[in-house]
Protein backbone atom coordinates (compact mmCIF):
# COMPACT_ATOMS: atom_id res chain seq x y z
CA MET A 1 -98.05 144.49 -258.28
CA SER A 2 -97.45 141.49 -260.42
CA ALA A 3 -97.74 137.98 -259.05
CA ASN A 4 -93.98 137.58 -259.65
CA SER A 5 -93.20 140.16 -256.97
CA PHE A 6 -94.26 137.54 -254.42
CA SER A 7 -93.28 134.28 -256.11
CA GLY A 8 -89.92 132.59 -256.14
CA GLN A 9 -87.77 132.99 -259.22
CA SER A 10 -85.07 130.43 -258.34
CA ALA A 11 -84.19 127.85 -255.73
CA VAL A 12 -81.11 126.20 -254.29
CA SER A 13 -80.51 123.35 -251.88
CA ILE A 14 -79.36 124.52 -248.43
CA THR A 15 -76.91 122.54 -246.33
CA PRO A 16 -77.34 123.63 -242.71
CA SER A 17 -74.17 125.16 -241.26
CA ASP A 18 -73.31 126.81 -237.96
CA ALA A 19 -70.42 128.65 -239.64
CA SER A 20 -71.78 130.13 -242.87
CA GLY A 21 -74.94 131.80 -244.09
CA VAL A 22 -76.97 131.81 -247.29
CA ALA A 23 -78.26 134.52 -249.58
CA LEU A 24 -81.40 136.05 -248.08
CA THR A 25 -84.36 133.82 -248.99
CA ARG A 26 -87.96 134.67 -249.88
CA GLY A 27 -89.06 131.31 -248.54
CA VAL A 28 -87.78 127.94 -247.36
CA TYR A 29 -89.06 124.61 -248.66
CA ILE A 30 -88.91 121.69 -246.21
CA GLY A 31 -88.81 118.22 -247.74
CA GLY A 32 -88.78 116.30 -244.44
CA ALA A 33 -90.65 117.61 -241.40
CA GLY A 34 -88.73 118.82 -238.38
CA ASN A 35 -87.22 121.79 -236.61
CA LEU A 36 -85.45 124.65 -238.36
CA ARG A 37 -83.04 126.94 -236.50
CA VAL A 38 -82.33 130.08 -238.52
CA ASP A 39 -81.13 133.66 -238.50
CA MET A 40 -83.99 135.78 -239.78
CA ALA A 41 -83.46 138.79 -242.07
CA ASP A 42 -83.36 141.12 -239.04
CA GLY A 43 -80.66 139.03 -237.33
CA THR A 44 -82.95 137.31 -234.83
CA THR A 45 -82.07 133.65 -234.22
CA VAL A 46 -85.11 131.44 -233.78
CA THR A 47 -85.99 127.74 -233.90
CA PHE A 48 -89.23 126.88 -235.69
CA SER A 49 -90.47 123.59 -234.23
CA GLY A 50 -92.33 120.92 -236.17
CA LEU A 51 -92.38 122.54 -239.61
CA ALA A 52 -94.49 120.56 -242.07
CA ALA A 53 -92.93 118.74 -245.00
CA GLY A 54 -93.78 119.58 -248.59
CA VAL A 55 -94.41 123.26 -247.87
CA VAL A 56 -92.66 126.49 -248.86
CA HIS A 57 -92.62 128.42 -245.60
CA PRO A 58 -92.56 132.23 -246.13
CA LEU A 59 -89.36 132.87 -244.19
CA ALA A 60 -86.68 135.44 -245.04
CA VAL A 61 -83.61 133.76 -243.59
CA LYS A 62 -79.89 134.38 -243.94
CA ARG A 63 -78.58 131.30 -242.11
CA VAL A 64 -79.81 127.77 -241.46
CA TYR A 65 -77.98 126.24 -238.51
CA ALA A 66 -76.90 122.61 -238.36
CA THR A 67 -77.33 122.65 -234.58
CA SER A 68 -80.98 122.11 -233.60
CA THR A 69 -82.14 121.70 -237.23
CA THR A 70 -83.83 118.33 -237.76
CA ALA A 71 -85.77 119.17 -240.93
CA THR A 72 -84.37 117.68 -244.14
CA GLY A 73 -84.52 118.44 -247.84
CA ILE A 74 -84.15 122.18 -247.19
CA ILE A 75 -84.34 124.42 -250.25
CA GLY A 76 -84.01 128.19 -250.28
CA VAL A 77 -86.49 129.94 -252.57
CA TYR A 78 -85.34 133.25 -254.07
């Protein structure tokens, strides 16, 4: 497999929302440390506590909730 099969090809800023989802991500960049409440690719809702800033976390998510999300500068990597 090529390196590109695992790397991001594009990115978009994510505004957390309890009402709407996002296109399924390959990763999530966090600009400001905090908690991230998401719907995972399989539909599981989970809150990741204390995610580090400046890191692309390898999470396949389809929603980032406003409620319980304290992380900032969230970018979906595709």
